[in-house]
Amino acid sequence: MKNSNITKLDQKGRILIPKHIRDVLKADDGTEIILIPDNENSQVKLLPLLRDKTAEIRILIDDAPGSLAKIADLFSQYGVNIVMSESRTLVRGKTAEWDIITDISELNGEMETIKEKILNSGVVKKMEILD
């Protein structure tokens, strides 16, 4: 608990993350942070979205059973962890969209390789890496 700190919520539900903790997270002004709740333990994990460590990806895929699983399997083969995702059907039975936030810290610069594999998977219509 060497770097722990007690802080309070303000009236709008905001908290101040102390500088020494921001330094540990490598979070500067404007850094987006995902709050991941652990309902079982009443805790929250903070995950900063850091360039070269995380990527936000949008994929247009076939709206068919197994499409998400096929792409998720490709990510796992390259050590990419899906931190958060949301999918929705755009045209039933034809097209769906999958927004993903991934931990790419283990990817070692192979983003173009995995993008090519995903685009050639047979279920992907378009893939973009968002800034």
N, C-alpha and C. Protein backbone atom coordinates (compact mmCIF):
# COMPACT_ATOMS: atom_id res chain seq x y z
N MET A 1 0.82 -1.18 0.00
CA MET A 1 0.00 0.00 0.00
C MET A 1 0.87 1.25 0.00
N LYS A 2 2.12 1.11 -0.43
CA LYS A 2 3.07 2.21 -0.42
C LYS A 2 2.57 3.43 -1.21
N ASN A 3 1.95 3.21 -2.35
CA ASN A 3 1.48 4.30 -3.19
C ASN A 3 -0.02 4.56 -3.03
N SER A 4 -0.65 4.01 -2.00
CA SER A 4 -2.10 4.19 -1.84
C SER A 4 -2.41 5.60 -1.36
N ASN A 5 -3.64 5.98 -1.55
CA ASN A 5 -4.08 7.31 -1.18
C ASN A 5 -5.57 7.27 -0.90
N ILE A 6 -6.04 8.10 0.01
CA ILE A 6 -7.48 8.24 0.25
C ILE A 6 -7.91 9.55 -0.38
N THR A 7 -8.97 9.50 -1.15
CA THR A 7 -9.52 10.69 -1.78
C THR A 7 -11.03 10.65 -1.65
N LYS A 8 -11.70 11.77 -1.87
CA LYS A 8 -13.16 11.84 -1.71
C LYS A 8 -13.82 12.17 -3.03
N LEU A 9 -15.04 11.68 -3.19
CA LEU A 9 -15.87 12.09 -4.31
C LEU A 9 -16.36 13.51 -4.06
N ASP A 10 -16.41 14.31 -5.14
CA ASP A 10 -17.03 15.63 -4.96
C ASP A 10 -18.53 15.51 -5.24
N GLN A 11 -19.23 16.63 -5.22
CA GLN A 11 -20.69 16.61 -5.37
C GLN A 11 -21.14 16.07 -6.73
N LYS A 12 -20.26 16.13 -7.73
CA LYS A 12 -20.60 15.64 -9.06
C LYS A 12 -20.10 14.22 -9.30
N GLY A 13 -19.57 13.57 -8.27
CA GLY A 13 -19.11 12.19 -8.39
C GLY A 13 -17.70 12.06 -8.93
N ARG A 14 -16.97 13.14 -9.01
CA ARG A 14 -15.60 13.10 -9.52
C ARG A 14 -14.61 12.82 -8.40
N ILE A 15 -13.48 12.23 -8.79
CA ILE A 15 -12.39 12.05 -7.83
C ILE A 15 -11.13 12.67 -8.42
N LEU A 16 -10.24 13.07 -7.57
CA LEU A 16 -8.94 13.57 -7.98
C LEU A 16 -7.96 12.41 -7.81
N ILE A 17 -7.27 12.08 -8.89
CA ILE A 17 -6.24 11.04 -8.81
C ILE A 17 -4.93 11.75 -8.48
N PRO A 18 -4.34 11.45 -7.32
CA PRO A 18 -3.11 12.13 -6.91
C PRO A 18 -1.99 11.96 -7.94
N LYS A 19 -1.12 12.97 -8.01
CA LYS A 19 -0.06 13.00 -9.02
C LYS A 19 0.82 11.75 -8.99
N HIS A 20 1.20 11.27 -7.81
CA HIS A 20 2.09 10.10 -7.77
C HIS A 20 1.40 8.86 -8.35
N ILE A 21 0.08 8.78 -8.25
CA ILE A 21 -0.65 7.65 -8.85
C ILE A 21 -0.79 7.87 -10.36
N ARG A 22 -1.04 9.13 -10.79
CA ARG A 22 -1.08 9.43 -12.23
C ARG A 22 0.27 9.10 -12.87
N ASP A 23 1.35 9.37 -12.15
CA ASP A 23 2.69 9.05 -12.67
C ASP A 23 2.85 7.54 -12.85
N VAL A 24 2.38 6.76 -11.89
CA VAL A 24 2.44 5.30 -11.99
C VAL A 24 1.64 4.81 -13.20
N LEU A 25 0.47 5.43 -13.42
CA LEU A 25 -0.41 5.06 -14.54
C LEU A 25 0.08 5.64 -15.87
N LYS A 26 1.06 6.55 -15.82
CA LYS A 26 1.54 7.29 -16.99
C LYS A 26 0.38 8.05 -17.64
N ALA A 27 -0.47 8.62 -16.79
CA ALA A 27 -1.65 9.36 -17.24
C ALA A 27 -1.41 10.86 -17.13
N ASP A 28 -1.44 11.53 -18.27
CA ASP A 28 -1.27 12.98 -18.32
C ASP A 28 -2.63 13.64 -18.49
N ASP A 29 -2.64 14.97 -18.51
CA ASP A 29 -3.85 15.73 -18.76
C ASP A 29 -4.48 15.28 -20.08
N GLY A 30 -5.74 14.92 -20.05
CA GLY A 30 -6.44 14.49 -21.26
C GLY A 30 -6.41 12.99 -21.51
N THR A 31 -5.65 12.23 -20.73
CA THR A 31 -5.61 10.77 -20.90
C THR A 31 -6.98 10.19 -20.57
N GLU A 32 -7.51 9.39 -21.49
CA GLU A 32 -8.78 8.73 -21.22
C GLU A 32 -8.52 7.51 -20.34
N ILE A 33 -9.42 7.29 -19.38
CA ILE A 33 -9.26 6.19 -18.43
C ILE A 33 -10.55 5.38 -18.40
N ILE A 34 -10.42 4.07 -18.54
CA ILE A 34 -11.57 3.16 -18.43
C ILE A 34 -11.71 2.78 -16.97
N LEU A 35 -12.91 2.84 -16.46
CA LEU A 35 -13.22 2.37 -15.11
C LEU A 35 -13.87 0.99 -15.26
N ILE A 36 -13.23 -0.02 -14.72
CA ILE A 36 -13.73 -1.39 -14.83
C ILE A 36 -14.21 -1.82 -13.45
N PRO A 37 -15.54 -1.91 -13.27
CA PRO A 37 -16.06 -2.27 -11.95
C PRO A 37 -15.92 -3.76 -11.66
N ASP A 38 -15.62 -4.08 -10.42
CA ASP A 38 -15.62 -5.44 -9.91
C ASP A 38 -16.75 -5.48 -8.89
N ASN A 39 -17.94 -5.84 -9.34
CA ASN A 39 -19.13 -5.81 -8.50
C ASN A 39 -19.03 -6.74 -7.30
N GLU A 40 -18.38 -7.88 -7.48
CA GLU A 40 -18.26 -8.85 -6.40
C GLU A 40 -17.51 -8.29 -5.20
N ASN A 41 -16.44 -7.53 -5.48
CA ASN A 41 -15.59 -7.00 -4.41
C ASN A 41 -15.80 -5.52 -4.15
N SER A 42 -16.78 -4.90 -4.80
CA SER A 42 -17.04 -3.46 -4.67
C SER A 42 -15.77 -2.63 -4.89
N GLN A 43 -15.07 -2.94 -5.98
CA GLN A 43 -13.84 -2.24 -6.33
C GLN A 43 -13.91 -1.79 -7.78
N VAL A 44 -13.04 -0.85 -8.14
CA VAL A 44 -12.93 -0.37 -9.51
C VAL A 44 -11.47 -0.40 -9.92
N LYS A 45 -11.21 -0.89 -11.11
CA LYS A 45 -9.85 -0.89 -11.66
C LYS A 45 -9.77 0.27 -12.66
N LEU A 46 -8.69 1.04 -12.61
CA LEU A 46 -8.45 2.12 -13.54
C LEU A 46 -7.51 1.65 -14.64
N LEU A 47 -7.91 1.83 -15.89
CA LEU A 47 -7.06 1.43 -17.01
C LEU A 47 -6.90 2.62 -17.95
N PRO A 48 -5.74 3.27 -17.94
CA PRO A 48 -5.55 4.40 -18.85
C PRO A 48 -5.38 3.90 -20.29
N LEU A 49 -5.99 4.64 -21.22
CA LEU A 49 -5.81 4.33 -22.63
C LEU A 49 -4.54 5.03 -23.10
N LEU A 50 -3.47 4.27 -23.22
CA LEU A 50 -2.17 4.83 -23.54
C LEU A 50 -1.75 4.45 -24.95
N ARG A 51 -1.22 5.42 -25.67
CA ARG A 51 -0.70 5.16 -27.02
C ARG A 51 0.36 4.06 -26.93
N ASP A 52 0.31 3.15 -27.86
CA ASP A 52 1.23 2.00 -27.95
C ASP A 52 0.96 0.92 -26.90
N LYS A 53 -0.02 1.12 -26.02
CA LYS A 53 -0.37 0.10 -25.02
C LYS A 53 -1.82 -0.36 -25.22
N THR A 54 -2.68 0.54 -25.66
CA THR A 54 -4.08 0.21 -25.91
C THR A 54 -4.47 0.71 -27.30
N ALA A 55 -5.49 0.09 -27.86
CA ALA A 55 -6.00 0.52 -29.16
C ALA A 55 -7.51 0.40 -29.16
N GLU A 56 -8.15 1.39 -29.77
CA GLU A 56 -9.59 1.34 -29.96
C GLU A 56 -9.82 0.97 -31.42
N ILE A 57 -10.57 -0.09 -31.63
CA ILE A 57 -10.75 -0.67 -32.97
C ILE A 57 -12.23 -0.80 -33.27
N ARG A 58 -12.60 -0.47 -34.51
CA ARG A 58 -13.98 -0.67 -34.98
C ARG A 58 -13.93 -1.61 -36.18
N ILE A 59 -14.74 -2.67 -36.10
CA ILE A 59 -14.75 -3.68 -37.15
C ILE A 59 -16.19 -3.87 -37.65
N LEU A 60 -16.37 -3.82 -38.97
CA LEU A 60 -17.65 -4.19 -39.58
C LEU A 60 -17.54 -5.65 -40.00
N ILE A 61 -18.46 -6.47 -39.54
CA ILE A 61 -18.38 -7.91 -39.77
C ILE A 61 -19.70 -8.44 -40.30
N ASP A 62 -19.65 -9.69 -40.78
CA ASP A 62 -20.87 -10.40 -41.14
C ASP A 62 -21.69 -10.61 -39.88
N ASP A 63 -22.98 -10.36 -39.97
CA ASP A 63 -23.87 -10.62 -38.83
C ASP A 63 -24.27 -12.09 -38.90
N ALA A 64 -23.36 -12.95 -38.44
CA ALA A 64 -23.56 -14.40 -38.49
C ALA A 64 -22.95 -15.04 -37.25
N PRO A 65 -23.54 -16.15 -36.80
CA PRO A 65 -22.98 -16.84 -35.64
C PRO A 65 -21.51 -17.20 -35.86
N GLY A 66 -20.68 -16.95 -34.86
CA GLY A 66 -19.27 -17.31 -34.90
C GLY A 66 -18.35 -16.23 -35.42
N SER A 67 -18.90 -15.14 -35.99
CA SER A 67 -18.04 -14.08 -36.54
C SER A 67 -17.17 -13.43 -35.46
N LEU A 68 -17.79 -13.06 -34.34
CA LEU A 68 -17.02 -12.43 -33.26
C LEU A 68 -15.97 -13.40 -32.72
N ALA A 69 -16.35 -14.64 -32.54
CA ALA A 69 -15.44 -15.64 -31.99
C ALA A 69 -14.22 -15.85 -32.89
N LYS A 70 -14.45 -15.83 -34.19
CA LYS A 70 -13.34 -16.02 -35.14
C LYS A 70 -12.32 -14.89 -35.01
N ILE A 71 -12.81 -13.66 -34.89
CA ILE A 71 -11.91 -12.51 -34.76
C ILE A 71 -11.24 -12.51 -33.38
N ALA A 72 -12.01 -12.80 -32.34
CA ALA A 72 -11.45 -12.86 -30.98
C ALA A 72 -10.33 -13.90 -30.91
N ASP A 73 -10.50 -15.01 -31.60
CA ASP A 73 -9.46 -16.04 -31.63
C ASP A 73 -8.18 -15.51 -32.29
N LEU A 74 -8.33 -14.74 -33.37
CA LEU A 74 -7.15 -14.16 -34.01
C LEU A 74 -6.42 -13.20 -33.07
N PHE A 75 -7.19 -12.37 -32.35
CA PHE A 75 -6.56 -11.48 -31.37
C PHE A 75 -5.78 -12.29 -30.34
N SER A 76 -6.39 -13.36 -29.83
CA SER A 76 -5.73 -14.15 -28.78
C SER A 76 -4.45 -14.81 -29.28
N GLN A 77 -4.42 -15.20 -30.56
CA GLN A 77 -3.21 -15.81 -31.12
C GLN A 77 -2.02 -14.86 -31.10
N TYR A 78 -2.30 -13.56 -31.12
CA TYR A 78 -1.23 -12.56 -31.11
C TYR A 78 -1.04 -11.92 -29.73
N GLY A 79 -1.69 -12.46 -28.71
CA GLY A 79 -1.52 -11.96 -27.35
C GLY A 79 -2.25 -10.65 -27.07
N VAL A 80 -3.24 -10.33 -27.90
CA VAL A 80 -4.02 -9.11 -27.71
C VAL A 80 -5.18 -9.42 -26.78
N ASN A 81 -5.28 -8.66 -25.70
CA ASN A 81 -6.35 -8.86 -24.73
C ASN A 81 -7.47 -7.87 -25.02
N ILE A 82 -8.70 -8.37 -25.14
CA ILE A 82 -9.85 -7.50 -25.33
C ILE A 82 -10.29 -7.03 -23.94
N VAL A 83 -10.15 -5.73 -23.70
CA VAL A 83 -10.45 -5.15 -22.41
C VAL A 83 -11.93 -4.84 -22.30
N MET A 84 -12.50 -4.30 -23.36
CA MET A 84 -13.90 -3.92 -23.36
C MET A 84 -14.40 -3.98 -24.79
N SER A 85 -15.66 -4.39 -24.98
CA SER A 85 -16.20 -4.41 -26.33
C SER A 85 -17.71 -4.22 -26.32
N GLU A 86 -18.20 -3.77 -27.45
CA GLU A 86 -19.64 -3.61 -27.64
C GLU A 86 -19.93 -3.95 -29.09
N SER A 87 -20.92 -4.78 -29.30
CA SER A 87 -21.30 -5.13 -30.67
C SER A 87 -22.77 -4.83 -30.88
N ARG A 88 -23.11 -4.54 -32.12
CA ARG A 88 -24.50 -4.27 -32.46
C ARG A 88 -24.75 -4.66 -33.91
N THR A 89 -25.97 -5.11 -34.17
CA THR A 89 -26.38 -5.44 -35.52
C THR A 89 -26.77 -4.17 -36.24
N LEU A 90 -26.24 -3.99 -37.45
CA LEU A 90 -26.61 -2.84 -38.26
C LEU A 90 -27.70 -3.22 -39.25
N VAL A 91 -27.50 -4.35 -39.94
CA VAL A 91 -28.50 -4.90 -40.85
C VAL A 91 -28.62 -6.38 -40.50
N ARG A 92 -29.76 -6.75 -39.94
CA ARG A 92 -29.96 -8.12 -39.43
C ARG A 92 -29.62 -9.17 -40.49
N GLY A 93 -28.73 -10.10 -40.10
CA GLY A 93 -28.34 -11.19 -41.00
C GLY A 93 -27.30 -10.79 -42.03
N LYS A 94 -26.88 -9.51 -42.04
CA LYS A 94 -25.90 -9.06 -43.04
C LYS A 94 -24.67 -8.41 -42.42
N THR A 95 -24.90 -7.35 -41.64
CA THR A 95 -23.77 -6.56 -41.15
C THR A 95 -23.92 -6.23 -39.67
N ALA A 96 -22.81 -6.34 -38.94
CA ALA A 96 -22.75 -5.94 -37.53
C ALA A 96 -21.50 -5.10 -37.34
N GLU A 97 -21.48 -4.36 -36.24
CA GLU A 97 -20.33 -3.53 -35.90
C GLU A 97 -19.82 -3.94 -34.54
N TRP A 98 -18.51 -4.02 -34.39
CA TRP A 98 -17.89 -4.40 -33.13
C TRP A 98 -16.87 -3.34 -32.76
N ASP A 99 -17.10 -2.64 -31.66
CA ASP A 99 -16.16 -1.66 -31.12
C ASP A 99 -15.39 -2.33 -29.98
N ILE A 100 -14.07 -2.24 -30.04
CA ILE A 100 -13.23 -2.98 -29.11
C ILE A 100 -12.14 -2.05 -28.55
N ILE A 101 -11.88 -2.17 -27.27
CA ILE A 101 -10.70 -1.55 -26.68
C ILE A 101 -9.80 -2.71 -26.28
N THR A 102 -8.58 -2.67 -26.79
CA THR A 102 -7.66 -3.79 -26.59
C THR A 102 -6.38 -3.34 -25.90
N ASP A 103 -5.79 -4.27 -25.18
CA ASP A 103 -4.47 -4.10 -24.61
C ASP A 103 -3.50 -4.69 -25.62
N ILE A 104 -2.71 -3.84 -26.26
CA ILE A 104 -1.79 -4.31 -27.30
C ILE A 104 -0.34 -4.28 -26.84
N SER A 105 -0.13 -4.22 -25.53
CA SER A 105 1.23 -4.09 -25.00
C SER A 105 2.11 -5.30 -25.33
N GLU A 106 1.51 -6.46 -25.59
CA GLU A 106 2.28 -7.67 -25.92
C GLU A 106 2.42 -7.89 -27.42
N LEU A 107 1.89 -6.97 -28.23
CA LEU A 107 1.82 -7.15 -29.69
C LEU A 107 3.16 -6.93 -30.38
N ASN A 108 4.05 -6.17 -29.78
CA ASN A 108 5.39 -5.92 -30.33
C ASN A 108 5.37 -5.37 -31.76
N GLY A 109 4.52 -4.39 -32.01
CA GLY A 109 4.49 -3.73 -33.31
C GLY A 109 3.90 -4.52 -34.46
N GLU A 110 3.19 -5.59 -34.16
CA GLU A 110 2.62 -6.43 -35.22
C GLU A 110 1.18 -6.06 -35.58
N MET A 111 0.76 -4.81 -35.34
CA MET A 111 -0.62 -4.41 -35.58
C MET A 111 -1.00 -4.59 -37.05
N GLU A 112 -0.12 -4.24 -37.96
CA GLU A 112 -0.44 -4.40 -39.39
C GLU A 112 -0.61 -5.87 -39.76
N THR A 113 0.18 -6.74 -39.16
CA THR A 113 0.07 -8.18 -39.42
C THR A 113 -1.28 -8.70 -38.96
N ILE A 114 -1.67 -8.36 -37.74
CA ILE A 114 -2.95 -8.85 -37.23
C ILE A 114 -4.11 -8.22 -37.99
N LYS A 115 -3.97 -6.95 -38.38
CA LYS A 115 -5.03 -6.29 -39.17
C LYS A 115 -5.22 -7.02 -40.49
N GLU A 116 -4.13 -7.38 -41.15
CA GLU A 116 -4.22 -8.11 -42.42
C GLU A 116 -4.90 -9.47 -42.23
N LYS A 117 -4.53 -10.20 -41.16
CA LYS A 117 -5.14 -11.50 -40.87
C LYS A 117 -6.64 -11.35 -40.63
N ILE A 118 -7.02 -10.32 -39.87
CA ILE A 118 -8.43 -10.10 -39.56
C ILE A 118 -9.20 -9.74 -40.82
N LEU A 119 -8.63 -8.86 -41.65
CA LEU A 119 -9.30 -8.47 -42.90
C LEU A 119 -9.45 -9.65 -43.85
N ASN A 120 -8.53 -10.62 -43.77
CA ASN A 120 -8.60 -11.80 -44.63
C ASN A 120 -9.30 -12.99 -43.98
N SER A 121 -9.99 -12.76 -42.86
CA SER A 121 -10.65 -13.84 -42.12
C SER A 121 -11.91 -14.37 -42.80
N GLY A 122 -12.42 -13.61 -43.75
CA GLY A 122 -13.64 -14.05 -44.43
C GLY A 122 -14.93 -13.54 -43.81
N VAL A 123 -14.84 -12.90 -42.64
CA VAL A 123 -16.05 -12.38 -41.97
C VAL A 123 -16.00 -10.86 -41.78
N VAL A 124 -14.88 -10.24 -42.13
CA VAL A 124 -14.70 -8.81 -41.89
C VAL A 124 -14.88 -8.02 -43.18
N LYS A 125 -15.69 -6.97 -43.09
CA LYS A 125 -15.91 -6.09 -44.24
C LYS A 125 -14.99 -4.87 -44.18
N LYS A 126 -14.70 -4.40 -42.95
CA LYS A 126 -13.86 -3.20 -42.79
C LYS A 126 -13.32 -3.20 -41.36
N MET A 127 -12.09 -2.70 -41.19
CA MET A 127 -11.49 -2.58 -39.86
C MET A 127 -10.75 -1.26 -39.80
N GLU A 128 -11.00 -0.49 -38.75
CA GLU A 128 -10.26 0.76 -38.56
C GLU A 128 -9.77 0.87 -37.14
N ILE A 129 -8.57 1.40 -37.00
CA ILE A 129 -7.99 1.65 -35.70
C ILE A 129 -8.21 3.13 -35.43
N LEU A 130 -8.98 3.41 -34.38
CA LEU A 130 -9.37 4.78 -34.07
C LEU A 130 -8.33 5.46 -33.20
N ASP A 131 -8.22 6.76 -33.34
CA ASP A 131 -7.29 7.52 -32.49
C ASP A 131 -7.96 7.96 -31.23
